[in-house]
Structures are given as C-alpha cells and as structure tokens.
C-alpha cells in the first residue's frame, strides 16, 4: 500500500563517528599545502598528503562495516601527527601551525582511542 513503505536509508553518507577523521584529514591536507606554498616545503606537502590520506581512509572504514579497523588506524595516524607536530612545536615554539596540529592530533588520539576501546568490547 502507498504510505506503508519504509523510508530509505541514506547510502554513502558518513556516520557521526567518521566526521572527526574526515575533519583531521582536511586539516592535515590544508596544512601540508600551506607549508608548501608559504615555505616551499615539499616535506610538508608529502607528509600532509600521506597523513590526510590515512585519515580519509580511516573515515571511510568507520563509515562502512570496518569500524574497529578505522578507529585503530585513525588512532595510529593521530599519534604520529601528535608526535611529529609536538616535536616541531617544542623546537620552534610556533603555535601556528605546529602547536595547533599537535593539539588536533592529541584530540584525535583521545577520541579515536576511546572509540577503539568502545568497539573492542
């Protein structure tokens, strides 16, 4: 009968938990591009691209049926981001971008790590 149909679920939309991974991917990509444009740092471009790719892949896993894998990977990438940018911050004392990216990585580590623990139960 008309009106008795189930509403269709949105296919392909990211889940709420994946948004943070996608946001970190966008931020690290933008940071790498900005480092390349402002300072000519190919190292920043490569690192930003690799880390953002990792975050985007983790977000897609979290949005699909591989949540645990996605949270594990996002946690690992967040730890790498925190360590790399934290070390640069301690060396240069520059809040932008080093300090901000270190804090973003720390937040990612805390969030994705807690979700990882939640999904392992």
PDB file of N, CA and C in Angstrom:
ATOM      1  N   UNK A   1       0.829  -1.175   0.000  1.00  0.00           N
ATOM      2  CA  UNK A   1       0.000   0.000   0.000  1.00  0.00           C
ATOM      3  C   UNK A   1       0.880   1.246   0.000  1.00  0.00           C
ATOM      4  N   UNK A   2       0.438   2.269  -0.656  1.00  0.00           N
ATOM      5  CA  UNK A   2       1.193   3.519  -0.599  1.00  0.00           C
ATOM      6  C   UNK A   2       1.188   4.063   0.826  1.00  0.00           C
ATOM      7  N   UNK A   3       2.335   4.590   1.230  1.00  0.00           N
ATOM      8  CA  UNK A   3       2.460   5.132   2.584  1.00  0.00           C
ATOM      9  C   UNK A   3       2.968   4.118   3.586  1.00  0.00           C
ATOM     10  N   UNK A   4       2.952   2.804   3.225  1.00  0.00           N
ATOM     11  CA  UNK A   4       3.457   1.772   4.121  1.00  0.00           C
ATOM     12  C   UNK A   4       4.923   1.452   3.865  1.00  0.00           C
ATOM     13  N   UNK A   5       5.535   2.163   2.936  1.00  0.00           N
ATOM     14  CA  UNK A   5       6.921   1.875   2.600  1.00  0.00           C
ATOM     15  C   UNK A   5       7.851   2.407   3.682  1.00  0.00           C
ATOM     16  N   UNK A   6       8.904   1.670   3.895  1.00  0.00           N
ATOM     17  CA  UNK A   6       9.929   2.116   4.833  1.00  0.00           C
ATOM     18  C   UNK A   6      10.713   3.249   4.193  1.00  0.00           C
ATOM     19  N   UNK A   7      11.103   4.236   4.988  1.00  0.00           N
ATOM     20  CA  UNK A   7      11.962   5.276   4.423  1.00  0.00           C
ATOM     21  C   UNK A   7      13.316   4.687   4.064  1.00  0.00           C
ATOM     22  N   UNK A   8      13.845   5.100   2.931  1.00  0.00           N
ATOM     23  CA  UNK A   8      15.138   4.590   2.503  1.00  0.00           C
ATOM     24  C   UNK A   8      16.236   5.257   3.319  1.00  0.00           C
ATOM     25  N   UNK A   9      17.214   4.433   3.672  1.00  0.00           N
ATOM     26  CA  UNK A   9      18.355   4.971   4.399  1.00  0.00           C
ATOM     27  C   UNK A   9      19.281   5.668   3.420  1.00  0.00           C
ATOM     28  N   UNK A  10      19.962   6.674   3.900  1.00  0.00           N
ATOM     29  CA  UNK A  10      20.937   7.371   3.076  1.00  0.00           C
ATOM     30  C   UNK A  10      22.161   6.488   2.925  1.00  0.00           C
ATOM     31  N   UNK A  11      22.469   6.143   1.711  1.00  0.00           N
ATOM     32  CA  UNK A  11      23.612   5.289   1.439  1.00  0.00           C
ATOM     33  C   UNK A  11      24.797   6.173   1.099  1.00  0.00           C
ATOM     34  N   UNK A  12      25.935   5.862   1.674  1.00  0.00           N
ATOM     35  CA  UNK A  12      27.147   6.575   1.341  1.00  0.00           C
ATOM     36  C   UNK A  12      27.429   7.805   2.189  1.00  0.00           C
ATOM     37  N   UNK A  13      26.517   8.178   3.066  1.00  0.00           N
ATOM     38  CA  UNK A  13      26.777   9.325   3.923  1.00  0.00           C
ATOM     39  C   UNK A  13      27.645   8.894   5.090  1.00  0.00           C
ATOM     40  N   UNK A  14      28.593   9.734   5.495  1.00  0.00           N
ATOM     41  CA  UNK A  14      29.447   9.346   6.620  1.00  0.00           C
ATOM     42  C   UNK A  14      28.670   9.312   7.924  1.00  0.00           C
ATOM     43  N   UNK A  15      29.074   8.383   8.775  1.00  0.00           N
ATOM     44  CA  UNK A  15      28.455   8.289  10.091  1.00  0.00           C
ATOM     45  C   UNK A  15      29.026   9.385  10.985  1.00  0.00           C
ATOM     46  N   UNK A  16      28.370   9.629  12.104  1.00  0.00           N
ATOM     47  CA  UNK A  16      28.815  10.676  13.016  1.00  0.00           C
ATOM     48  C   UNK A  16      30.233  10.475  13.506  1.00  0.00           C
ATOM     49  N   UNK A  17      30.620   9.248  13.788  1.00  0.00           N
ATOM     50  CA  UNK A  17      31.954   8.974  14.312  1.00  0.00           C
ATOM     51  C   UNK A  17      33.053   9.203  13.281  1.00  0.00           C
ATOM     52  N   UNK A  18      32.719   9.148  12.020  1.00  0.00           N
ATOM     53  CA  UNK A  18      33.748   9.319  10.986  1.00  0.00           C
ATOM     54  C   UNK A  18      34.044  10.787  10.695  1.00  0.00           C
ATOM     55  N   UNK A  19      33.175  11.684  11.116  1.00  0.00           N
ATOM     56  CA  UNK A  19      33.363  13.098  10.800  1.00  0.00           C
ATOM     57  C   UNK A  19      34.686  13.648  11.330  1.00  0.00           C
ATOM     58  N   UNK A  20      35.091  13.218  12.510  1.00  0.00           N
ATOM     59  CA  UNK A  20      36.331  13.731  13.077  1.00  0.00           C
ATOM     60  C   UNK A  20      37.531  13.278  12.256  1.00  0.00           C
ATOM     61  N   UNK A  21      37.511  12.029  11.791  1.00  0.00           N
ATOM     62  CA  UNK A  21      38.610  11.539  10.951  1.00  0.00           C
ATOM     63  C   UNK A  21      38.664  12.338   9.649  1.00  0.00           C
ATOM     64  N   UNK A  22      37.505  12.586   9.050  1.00  0.00           N
ATOM     65  CA  UNK A  22      37.480  13.377   7.817  1.00  0.00           C
ATOM     66  C   UNK A  22      37.954  14.815   8.067  1.00  0.00           C
ATOM     67  N   UNK A  23      37.569  15.385   9.190  1.00  0.00           N
ATOM     68  CA  UNK A  23      37.996  16.748   9.520  1.00  0.00           C
ATOM     69  C   UNK A  23      39.517  16.804   9.705  1.00  0.00           C
ATOM     70  N   UNK A  24      40.073  15.826  10.407  1.00  0.00           N
ATOM     71  CA  UNK A  24      41.528  15.788  10.579  1.00  0.00           C
ATOM     72  C   UNK A  24      42.231  15.591   9.237  1.00  0.00           C
ATOM     73  N   UNK A  25      41.623  14.817   8.354  1.00  0.00           N
ATOM     74  CA  UNK A  25      42.183  14.650   7.018  1.00  0.00           C
ATOM     75  C   UNK A  25      42.217  15.956   6.253  1.00  0.00           C
ATOM     76  N   UNK A  26      41.150  16.721   6.344  1.00  0.00           N
ATOM     77  CA  UNK A  26      41.095  18.013   5.657  1.00  0.00           C
ATOM     78  C   UNK A  26      42.112  18.989   6.248  1.00  0.00           C
ATOM     79  N   UNK A  27      42.225  19.004   7.566  1.00  0.00           N
ATOM     80  CA  UNK A  27      43.157  19.924   8.233  1.00  0.00           C
ATOM     81  C   UNK A  27      44.603  19.579   7.890  1.00  0.00           C
ATOM     82  N   UNK A  28      44.963  18.303   7.914  1.00  0.00           N
ATOM     83  CA  UNK A  28      46.344  17.929   7.607  1.00  0.00           C
ATOM     84  C   UNK A  28      46.667  18.164   6.134  1.00  0.00           C
ATOM     85  N   UNK A  29      45.706  17.962   5.262  1.00  0.00           N
ATOM     86  CA  UNK A  29      45.917  18.243   3.844  1.00  0.00           C
ATOM     87  C   UNK A  29      46.146  19.741   3.630  1.00  0.00           C
ATOM     88  N   UNK A  30      45.293  20.548   4.235  1.00  0.00           N
ATOM     89  CA  UNK A  30      45.442  22.001   4.112  1.00  0.00           C
ATOM     90  C   UNK A  30      46.772  22.462   4.709  1.00  0.00           C
ATOM     91  N   UNK A  31      47.164  21.894   5.823  1.00  0.00           N
ATOM     92  CA  UNK A  31      48.436  22.250   6.447  1.00  0.00           C
ATOM     93  C   UNK A  31      49.627  21.909   5.563  1.00  0.00           C
ATOM     94  N   UNK A  32      49.572  20.752   4.926  1.00  0.00           N
ATOM     95  CA  UNK A  32      50.656  20.369   4.019  1.00  0.00           C
ATOM     96  C   UNK A  32      50.758  21.285   2.816  1.00  0.00           C
ATOM     97  N   UNK A  33      49.610  21.636   2.257  1.00  0.00           N
ATOM     98  CA  UNK A  33      49.595  22.542   1.106  1.00  0.00           C
ATOM     99  C   UNK A  33      50.094  23.927   1.517  1.00  0.00           C
ATOM    100  N   UNK A  34      49.637  24.401   2.677  1.00  0.00           N
ATOM    101  CA  UNK A  34      50.076  25.720   3.148  1.00  0.00           C
ATOM    102  C   UNK A  34      51.577  25.741   3.421  1.00  0.00           C
ATOM    103  N   UNK A  35      52.112  24.681   3.984  1.00  0.00           N
ATOM    104  CA  UNK A  35      53.551  24.596   4.221  1.00  0.00           C
ATOM    105  C   UNK A  35      54.332  24.627   2.927  1.00  0.00           C
ATOM    106  N   UNK A  36      53.784  24.020   1.897  1.00  0.00           N
ATOM    107  CA  UNK A  36      54.447  24.023   0.595  1.00  0.00           C
ATOM    108  C   UNK A  36      54.372  25.406  -0.057  1.00  0.00           C
ATOM    109  N   UNK A  37      53.195  26.019  -0.009  1.00  0.00           N
ATOM    110  CA  UNK A  37      53.016  27.326  -0.643  1.00  0.00           C
ATOM    111  C   UNK A  37      53.813  28.416   0.069  1.00  0.00           C
ATOM    112  N   UNK A  38      53.741  28.437   1.397  1.00  0.00           N
ATOM    113  CA  UNK A  38      54.406  29.504   2.161  1.00  0.00           C
ATOM    114  C   UNK A  38      55.920  29.330   2.244  1.00  0.00           C
ATOM    115  N   UNK A  39      56.373  28.107   2.474  1.00  0.00           N
ATOM    116  CA  UNK A  39      57.798  27.899   2.732  1.00  0.00           C
ATOM    117  C   UNK A  39      58.482  27.062   1.655  1.00  0.00           C
ATOM    118  N   UNK A  40      57.728  26.610   0.666  1.00  0.00           N
ATOM    119  CA  UNK A  40      58.317  25.771  -0.368  1.00  0.00           C
ATOM    120  C   UNK A  40      58.723  24.404   0.142  1.00  0.00           C
ATOM    121  N   UNK A  41      58.075  23.944   1.208  1.00  0.00           N
ATOM    122  CA  UNK A  41      58.445  22.687   1.852  1.00  0.00           C
ATOM    123  C   UNK A  41      57.737  21.498   1.199  1.00  0.00           C
ATOM    124  N   UNK A  42      58.480  20.783   0.379  1.00  0.00           N
ATOM    125  CA  UNK A  42      57.929  19.569  -0.232  1.00  0.00           C
ATOM    126  C   UNK A  42      57.679  18.513   0.839  1.00  0.00           C
ATOM    127  N   UNK A  43      58.479  18.532   1.892  1.00  0.00           N
ATOM    128  CA  UNK A  43      58.315  17.595   3.000  1.00  0.00           C
ATOM    129  C   UNK A  43      56.939  17.780   3.658  1.00  0.00           C
ATOM    130  N   UNK A  44      56.531  19.038   3.852  1.00  0.00           N
ATOM    131  CA  UNK A  44      55.205  19.312   4.427  1.00  0.00           C
ATOM    132  C   UNK A  44      54.098  18.817   3.510  1.00  0.00           C
ATOM    133  N   UNK A  45      54.273  19.027   2.212  1.00  0.00           N
ATOM    134  CA  UNK A  45      53.265  18.591   1.251  1.00  0.00           C
ATOM    135  C   UNK A  45      53.109  17.074   1.263  1.00  0.00           C
ATOM    136  N   UNK A  46      54.223  16.366   1.251  1.00  0.00           N
ATOM    137  CA  UNK A  46      54.181  14.895   1.252  1.00  0.00           C
ATOM    138  C   UNK A  46      53.597  14.372   2.561  1.00  0.00           C
ATOM    139  N   UNK A  47      54.061  14.907   3.694  1.00  0.00           N
ATOM    140  CA  UNK A  47      53.562  14.442   4.988  1.00  0.00           C
ATOM    141  C   UNK A  47      52.079  14.754   5.150  1.00  0.00           C
ATOM    142  N   UNK A  48      51.681  15.961   4.775  1.00  0.00           N
ATOM    143  CA  UNK A  48      50.267  16.333   4.867  1.00  0.00           C
ATOM    144  C   UNK A  48      49.385  15.458   3.998  1.00  0.00           C
ATOM    145  N   UNK A  49      49.867  15.158   2.797  1.00  0.00           N
ATOM    146  CA  UNK A  49      49.101  14.307   1.884  1.00  0.00           C
ATOM    147  C   UNK A  49      48.981  12.883   2.414  1.00  0.00           C
ATOM    148  N   UNK A  50      50.085  12.346   2.902  1.00  0.00           N
ATOM    149  CA  UNK A  50      50.044  10.974   3.430  1.00  0.00           C
ATOM    150  C   UNK A  50      49.157  10.860   4.671  1.00  0.00           C
ATOM    151  N   UNK A  51      49.324  11.790   5.596  1.00  0.00           N
ATOM    152  CA  UNK A  51      48.502  11.743   6.814  1.00  0.00           C
ATOM    153  C   UNK A  51      47.023  11.962   6.492  1.00  0.00           C
ATOM    154  N   UNK A  52      46.739  12.914   5.609  1.00  0.00           N
ATOM    155  CA  UNK A  52      45.331  13.159   5.270  1.00  0.00           C
ATOM    156  C   UNK A  52      44.736  11.950   4.571  1.00  0.00           C
ATOM    157  N   UNK A  53      45.506  11.306   3.700  1.00  0.00           N
ATOM    158  CA  UNK A  53      45.015  10.079   3.068  1.00  0.00           C
ATOM    159  C   UNK A  53      44.693   9.002   4.086  1.00  0.00           C
ATOM    160  N   UNK A  54      45.543   8.897   5.107  1.00  0.00           N
ATOM    161  CA  UNK A  54      45.288   7.931   6.182  1.00  0.00           C
ATOM    162  C   UNK A  54      44.016   8.253   6.946  1.00  0.00           C
ATOM    163  N   UNK A  55      43.814   9.536   7.250  1.00  0.00           N
ATOM    164  CA  UNK A  55      42.592   9.930   7.954  1.00  0.00           C
ATOM    165  C   UNK A  55      41.348   9.683   7.094  1.00  0.00           C
ATOM    166  N   UNK A  56      41.434  10.006   5.806  1.00  0.00           N
ATOM    167  CA  UNK A  56      40.286   9.785   4.921  1.00  0.00           C
ATOM    168  C   UNK A  56      39.977   8.292   4.794  1.00  0.00           C
ATOM    169  N   UNK A  57      41.017   7.460   4.710  1.00  0.00           N
ATOM    170  CA  UNK A  57      40.794   6.015   4.633  1.00  0.00           C
ATOM    171  C   UNK A  57      40.160   5.511   5.927  1.00  0.00           C
ATOM    172  N   UNK A  58      40.669   5.987   7.063  1.00  0.00           N
ATOM    173  CA  UNK A  58      40.092   5.584   8.348  1.00  0.00           C
ATOM    174  C   UNK A  58      38.630   6.013   8.441  1.00  0.00           C
ATOM    175  N   UNK A  59      38.323   7.224   7.982  1.00  0.00           N
ATOM    176  CA  UNK A  59      36.934   7.693   7.981  1.00  0.00           C
ATOM    177  C   UNK A  59      36.032   6.819   7.134  1.00  0.00           C
ATOM    178  N   UNK A  60      36.542   6.380   5.980  1.00  0.00           N
ATOM    179  CA  UNK A  60      35.713   5.515   5.138  1.00  0.00           C
ATOM    180  C   UNK A  60      35.504   4.150   5.782  1.00  0.00           C
ATOM    181  N   UNK A  61      36.506   3.649   6.499  1.00  0.00           N
ATOM    182  CA  UNK A  61      36.333   2.385   7.231  1.00  0.00           C
ATOM    183  C   UNK A  61      35.290   2.540   8.330  1.00  0.00           C
ATOM    184  N   UNK A  62      35.366   3.666   9.059  1.00  0.00           N
ATOM    185  CA  UNK A  62      34.414   3.910  10.140  1.00  0.00           C
ATOM    186  C   UNK A  62      33.001   4.023   9.590  1.00  0.00           C
ATOM    187  N   UNK A  63      32.851   4.586   8.394  1.00  0.00           N
ATOM    188  CA  UNK A  63      31.526   4.741   7.780  1.00  0.00           C
ATOM    189  C   UNK A  63      30.982   3.434   7.241  1.00  0.00           C
ATOM    190  N   UNK A  64      31.871   2.463   7.028  1.00  0.00           N
ATOM    191  CA  UNK A  64      31.417   1.180   6.494  1.00  0.00           C
ATOM    192  C   UNK A  64      31.323   0.169   7.637  1.00  0.00           C
ATOM    193  N   UNK A  65      31.485  -1.064   7.321  1.00  0.00           N
ATOM    194  CA  UNK A  65      31.358  -2.110   8.341  1.00  0.00           C
ATOM    195  C   UNK A  65      32.706  -2.470   8.965  1.00  0.00           C
ATOM    196  N   UNK A  66      33.702  -1.591   8.841  1.00  0.00           N
ATOM    197  CA  UNK A  66      35.029  -1.855   9.384  1.00  0.00           C
ATOM    198  C   UNK A  66      35.402  -0.811  10.444  1.00  0.00           C
ATOM    199  N   UNK A  67      34.474  -0.558  11.352  1.00  0.00           N
ATOM    200  CA  UNK A  67      34.664   0.500  12.334  1.00  0.00           C
ATOM    201  C   UNK A  67      35.918   0.301  13.181  1.00  0.00           C
ATOM    202  N   UNK A  68      36.127  -0.895  13.690  1.00  0.00           N
ATOM    203  CA  UNK A  68      37.271  -1.143  14.558  1.00  0.00           C
ATOM    204  C   UNK A  68      38.579  -0.864  13.827  1.00  0.00           C
ATOM    205  N   UNK A  69      38.698  -1.326  12.600  1.00  0.00           N
ATOM    206  CA  UNK A  69      39.897  -1.065  11.799  1.00  0.00           C
ATOM    207  C   UNK A  69      40.102   0.436  11.605  1.00  0.00           C
ATOM    208  N   UNK A  70      39.025   1.147  11.318  1.00  0.00           N
ATOM    209  CA  UNK A  70      39.108   2.584  11.111  1.00  0.00           C
ATOM    210  C   UNK A  70      39.548   3.327  12.361  1.00  0.00           C
ATOM    211  N   UNK A  71      38.987   2.960  13.514  1.00  0.00           N
ATOM    212  CA  UNK A  71      39.370   3.623  14.757  1.00  0.00           C
ATOM    213  C   UNK A  71      40.817   3.321  15.128  1.00  0.00           C
ATOM    214  N   UNK A  72      41.252   2.093  14.903  1.00  0.00           N
ATOM    215  CA  UNK A  72      42.652   1.749  15.175  1.00  0.00           C
ATOM    216  C   UNK A  72      43.592   2.587  14.304  1.00  0.00           C
ATOM    217  N   UNK A  73      43.283   2.653  13.018  1.00  0.00           N
ATOM    218  CA  UNK A  73      44.152   3.373  12.094  1.00  0.00           C
ATOM    219  C   UNK A  73      44.142   4.867  12.372  1.00  0.00           C
ATOM    220  N   UNK A  74      42.956   5.421  12.644  1.00  0.00           N
ATOM    221  CA  UNK A  74      42.869   6.853  12.958  1.00  0.00           C
ATOM    222  C   UNK A  74      43.637   7.180  14.232  1.00  0.00           C
ATOM    223  N   UNK A  75      43.618   6.266  15.204  1.00  0.00           N
ATOM    224  CA  UNK A  75      44.389   6.469  16.432  1.00  0.00           C
ATOM    225  C   UNK A  75      45.882   6.486  16.119  1.00  0.00           C
ATOM    226  N   UNK A  76      46.332   5.542  15.306  1.00  0.00           N
ATOM    227  CA  UNK A  76      47.750   5.473  14.954  1.00  0.00           C
ATOM    228  C   UNK A  76      48.191   6.730  14.202  1.00  0.00           C
ATOM    229  N   UNK A  77      47.410   7.180  13.246  1.00  0.00           N
ATOM    230  CA  UNK A  77      47.755   8.385  12.479  1.00  0.00           C
ATOM    231  C   UNK A  77      47.751   9.602  13.404  1.00  0.00           C
ATOM    232  N   UNK A  78      46.811   9.659  14.337  1.00  0.00           N
ATOM    233  CA  UNK A  78      46.744  10.771  15.282  1.00  0.00           C
ATOM    234  C   UNK A  78      47.979  10.810  16.185  1.00  0.00           C
ATOM    235  N   UNK A  79      48.456   9.648  16.605  1.00  0.00           N
ATOM    236  CA  UNK A  79      49.665   9.579  17.428  1.00  0.00           C
ATOM    237  C   UNK A  79      50.863  10.095  16.631  1.00  0.00           C
ATOM    238  N   UNK A  80      50.946   9.700  15.368  1.00  0.00           N
ATOM    239  CA  UNK A  80      52.041  10.171  14.507  1.00  0.00           C
ATOM    240  C   UNK A  80      51.973  11.688  14.352  1.00  0.00           C
ATOM    241  N   UNK A  81      50.771  12.214  14.099  1.00  0.00           N
ATOM    242  CA  UNK A  81      50.603  13.660  13.947  1.00  0.00           C
ATOM    243  C   UNK A  81      50.998  14.392  15.231  1.00  0.00           C
ATOM    244  N   UNK A  82      50.550  13.875  16.378  1.00  0.00           N
ATOM    245  CA  UNK A  82      50.883  14.492  17.663  1.00  0.00           C
ATOM    246  C   UNK A  82      52.386  14.494  17.899  1.00  0.00           C
ATOM    247  N   UNK A  83      53.022  13.367  17.661  1.00  0.00           N
ATOM    248  CA  UNK A  83      54.466  13.271  17.885  1.00  0.00           C
ATOM    249  C   UNK A  83      55.264  14.186  16.970  1.00  0.00           C
ATOM    250  N   UNK A  84      54.934  14.172  15.691  1.00  0.00           N
ATOM    251  CA  UNK A  84      55.694  14.981  14.727  1.00  0.00           C
ATOM    252  C   UNK A  84      55.502  16.473  14.975  1.00  0.00           C
ATOM    253  N   UNK A  85      54.256  16.893  15.123  1.00  0.00           N
ATOM    254  CA  UNK A  85      53.994  18.320  15.286  1.00  0.00           C
ATOM    255  C   UNK A  85      54.324  18.792  16.703  1.00  0.00           C
ATOM    256  N   UNK A  86      54.183  17.913  17.683  1.00  0.00           N
ATOM    257  CA  UNK A  86      54.575  18.270  19.045  1.00  0.00           C
ATOM    258  C   UNK A  86      56.072  18.525  19.136  1.00  0.00           C
ATOM    259  N   UNK A  87      56.866  17.678  18.476  1.00  0.00           N
ATOM    260  CA  UNK A  87      58.315  17.860  18.468  1.00  0.00           C
ATOM    261  C   UNK A  87      58.697  19.159  17.759  1.00  0.00           C
ATOM    262  N   UNK A  88      58.018  19.450  16.658  1.00  0.00           N
ATOM    263  CA  UNK A  88      58.299  20.703  15.934  1.00  0.00           C
ATOM    264  C   UNK A  88      57.893  21.909  16.770  1.00  0.00           C
ATOM    265  N   UNK A  89      56.777  21.788  17.500  1.00  0.00           N
ATOM    266  CA  UNK A  89      56.355  22.888  18.357  1.00  0.00           C
ATOM    267  C   UNK A  89      57.380  23.151  19.462  1.00  0.00           C
ATOM    268  N   UNK A  90      57.863  22.095  20.098  1.00  0.00           N
ATOM    269  CA  UNK A  90      58.842  22.258  21.167  1.00  0.00           C
ATOM    270  C   UNK A  90      60.142  22.877  20.646  1.00  0.00           C
ATOM    271  N   UNK A  91      60.465  22.570  19.397  1.00  0.00           N
ATOM    272  CA  UNK A  91      61.692  23.109  18.801  1.00  0.00           C
ATOM    273  C   UNK A  91      61.524  24.571  18.394  1.00  0.00           C
ATOM    274  N   UNK A  92      60.387  24.907  17.777  1.00  0.00           N
ATOM    275  CA  UNK A  92      60.208  26.249  17.208  1.00  0.00           C
ATOM    276  C   UNK A  92      59.368  27.186  18.073  1.00  0.00           C
ATOM    277  N   UNK A  93      58.540  26.617  18.952  1.00  0.00           N
ATOM    278  CA  UNK A  93      57.591  27.394  19.778  1.00  0.00           C
ATOM    279  C   UNK A  93      56.571  28.153  18.927  1.00  0.00           C
ATOM    280  N   UNK A  94      56.354  27.703  17.713  1.00  0.00           N
ATOM    281  CA  UNK A  94      55.361  28.334  16.837  1.00  0.00           C
ATOM    282  C   UNK A  94      54.010  27.653  17.051  1.00  0.00           C
ATOM    283  N   UNK A  95      53.047  28.429  17.499  1.00  0.00           N
ATOM    284  CA  UNK A  95      51.719  27.883  17.765  1.00  0.00           C
ATOM    285  C   UNK A  95      51.026  27.508  16.459  1.00  0.00           C
ATOM    286  N   UNK A  96      51.179  28.355  15.441  1.00  0.00           N
ATOM    287  CA  UNK A  96      50.564  28.072  14.138  1.00  0.00           C
ATOM    288  C   UNK A  96      51.678  27.740  13.168  1.00  0.00           C
ATOM    289  N   UNK A  97      51.672  26.591  12.546  1.00  0.00           N
ATOM    290  CA  UNK A  97      50.695  25.513  12.596  1.00  0.00           C
ATOM    291  C   UNK A  97      51.053  24.401  13.575  1.00  0.00           C
ATOM    292  N   UNK A  98      52.314  24.399  14.049  1.00  0.00           N
ATOM    293  CA  UNK A  98      52.810  23.255  14.823  1.00  0.00           C
ATOM    294  C   UNK A  98      51.996  22.953  16.071  1.00  0.00           C
ATOM    295  N   UNK A  99      51.759  23.958  16.893  1.00  0.00           N
ATOM    296  CA  UNK A  99      51.023  23.744  18.134  1.00  0.00           C
ATOM    297  C   UNK A  99      49.588  23.323  17.900  1.00  0.00           C
ATOM    298  N   UNK A 100      48.942  23.979  16.936  1.00  0.00           N
ATOM    299  CA  UNK A 100      47.541  23.636  16.650  1.00  0.00           C
ATOM    300  C   UNK A 100      47.401  22.216  16.116  1.00  0.00           C
ATOM    301  N   UNK A 101      48.306  21.820  15.224  1.00  0.00           N
ATOM    302  CA  UNK A 101      48.230  20.454  14.691  1.00  0.00           C
ATOM    303  C   UNK A 101      48.583  19.418  15.755  1.00  0.00           C
ATOM    304  N   UNK A 102      49.479  19.767  16.668  1.00  0.00           N
ATOM    305  CA  UNK A 102      49.788  18.843  17.769  1.00  0.00           C
ATOM    306  C   UNK A 102      48.565  18.645  18.658  1.00  0.00           C
ATOM    307  N   UNK A 103      47.856  19.734  18.945  1.00  0.00           N
ATOM    308  CA  UNK A 103      46.638  19.637  19.764  1.00  0.00           C
ATOM    309  C   UNK A 103      45.553  18.868  19.009  1.00  0.00           C
ATOM    310  N   UNK A 104      45.425  19.108  17.701  1.00  0.00           N
ATOM    311  CA  UNK A 104      44.445  18.358  16.896  1.00  0.00           C
ATOM    312  C   UNK A 104      44.773  16.867  16.906  1.00  0.00           C
ATOM    313  N   UNK A 105      46.048  16.542  16.796  1.00  0.00           N
ATOM    314  CA  UNK A 105      46.461  15.140  16.857  1.00  0.00           C
ATOM    315  C   UNK A 105      46.184  14.518  18.218  1.00  0.00           C
ATOM    316  N   UNK A 106      46.413  15.296  19.264  1.00  0.00           N
ATOM    317  CA  UNK A 106      46.134  14.811  20.620  1.00  0.00           C
ATOM    318  C   UNK A 106      44.635  14.561  20.804  1.00  0.00           C
ATOM    319  N   UNK A 107      43.822  15.483  20.302  1.00  0.00           N
ATOM    320  CA  UNK A 107      42.361  15.296  20.373  1.00  0.00           C
ATOM    321  C   UNK A 107      41.937  14.069  19.572  1.00  0.00           C
ATOM    322  N   UNK A 108      42.545  13.882  18.397  1.00  0.00           N
ATOM    323  CA  UNK A 108      42.245  12.703  17.584  1.00  0.00           C
ATOM    324  C   UNK A 108      42.649  11.419  18.277  1.00  0.00           C
ATOM    325  N   UNK A 109      43.796  11.447  18.938  1.00  0.00           N
ATOM    326  CA  UNK A 109      44.250  10.266  19.678  1.00  0.00           C
ATOM    327  C   UNK A 109      43.261   9.924  20.791  1.00  0.00           C
ATOM    328  N   UNK A 110      42.838  10.933  21.532  1.00  0.00           N
ATOM    329  CA  UNK A 110      41.904  10.698  22.635  1.00  0.00           C
ATOM    330  C   UNK A 110      40.557  10.193  22.116  1.00  0.00           C
ATOM    331  N   UNK A 111      40.018  10.853  21.089  1.00  0.00           N
ATOM    332  CA  UNK A 111      38.696  10.475  20.584  1.00  0.00           C
ATOM    333  C   UNK A 111      38.715   9.100  19.928  1.00  0.00           C
ATOM    334  N   UNK A 112      39.611   8.910  18.971  1.00  0.00           N
ATOM    335  CA  UNK A 112      39.628   7.631  18.252  1.00  0.00           C
ATOM    336  C   UNK A 112      40.076   6.487  19.156  1.00  0.00           C
ATOM    337  N   UNK A 113      40.976   6.790  20.100  1.00  0.00           N
ATOM    338  CA  UNK A 113      41.380   5.752  21.047  1.00  0.00           C
ATOM    339  C   UNK A 113      40.235   5.305  21.937  1.00  0.00           C
ATOM    340  N   UNK A 114      39.410   6.264  22.372  1.00  0.00           N
ATOM    341  CA  UNK A 114      38.262   5.881  23.205  1.00  0.00           C
ATOM    342  C   UNK A 114      37.232   5.102  22.386  1.00  0.00           C
ATOM    343  N   UNK A 115      37.050   5.484  21.126  1.00  0.00           N
ATOM    344  CA  UNK A 115      36.120   4.743  20.265  1.00  0.00           C
ATOM    345  C   UNK A 115      36.656   3.341  19.976  1.00  0.00           C
ATOM    346  N   UNK A 116      37.953   3.227  19.813  1.00  0.00           N
ATOM    347  CA  UNK A 116      38.587   1.922  19.598  1.00  0.00           C
ATOM    348  C   UNK A 116      38.275   1.025  20.787  1.00  0.00           C
ATOM    349  N   UNK A 117      38.471   1.538  22.007  1.00  0.00           N
ATOM    350  CA  UNK A 117      38.178   0.747  23.198  1.00  0.00           C
ATOM    351  C   UNK A 117      36.692   0.384  23.281  1.00  0.00           C
ATOM    352  N   UNK A 118      35.852   1.317  22.905  1.00  0.00           N
ATOM    353  CA  UNK A 118      34.410   1.084  22.920  1.00  0.00           C
ATOM    354  C   UNK A 118      34.019  -0.042  21.964  1.00  0.00           C
ATOM    355  N   UNK A 119      34.618  -0.067  20.780  1.00  0.00           N
ATOM    356  CA  UNK A 119      34.273  -1.076  19.776  1.00  0.00           C
ATOM    357  C   UNK A 119      34.900  -2.431  20.068  1.00  0.00           C
ATOM    358  N   UNK A 120      35.962  -2.466  20.874  1.00  0.00           N
ATOM    359  CA  UNK A 120      36.591  -3.758  21.187  1.00  0.00           C
ATOM    360  C   UNK A 120      35.811  -4.544  22.232  1.00  0.00           C
ATOM    361  N   UNK A 121      34.941  -3.880  22.937  1.00  0.00           N
ATOM    362  CA  UNK A 121      34.172  -4.583  23.979  1.00  0.00           C
ATOM    363  C   UNK A 121      33.158  -5.505  23.410  1.00  0.00           C
TER     364      UNK A 121
END
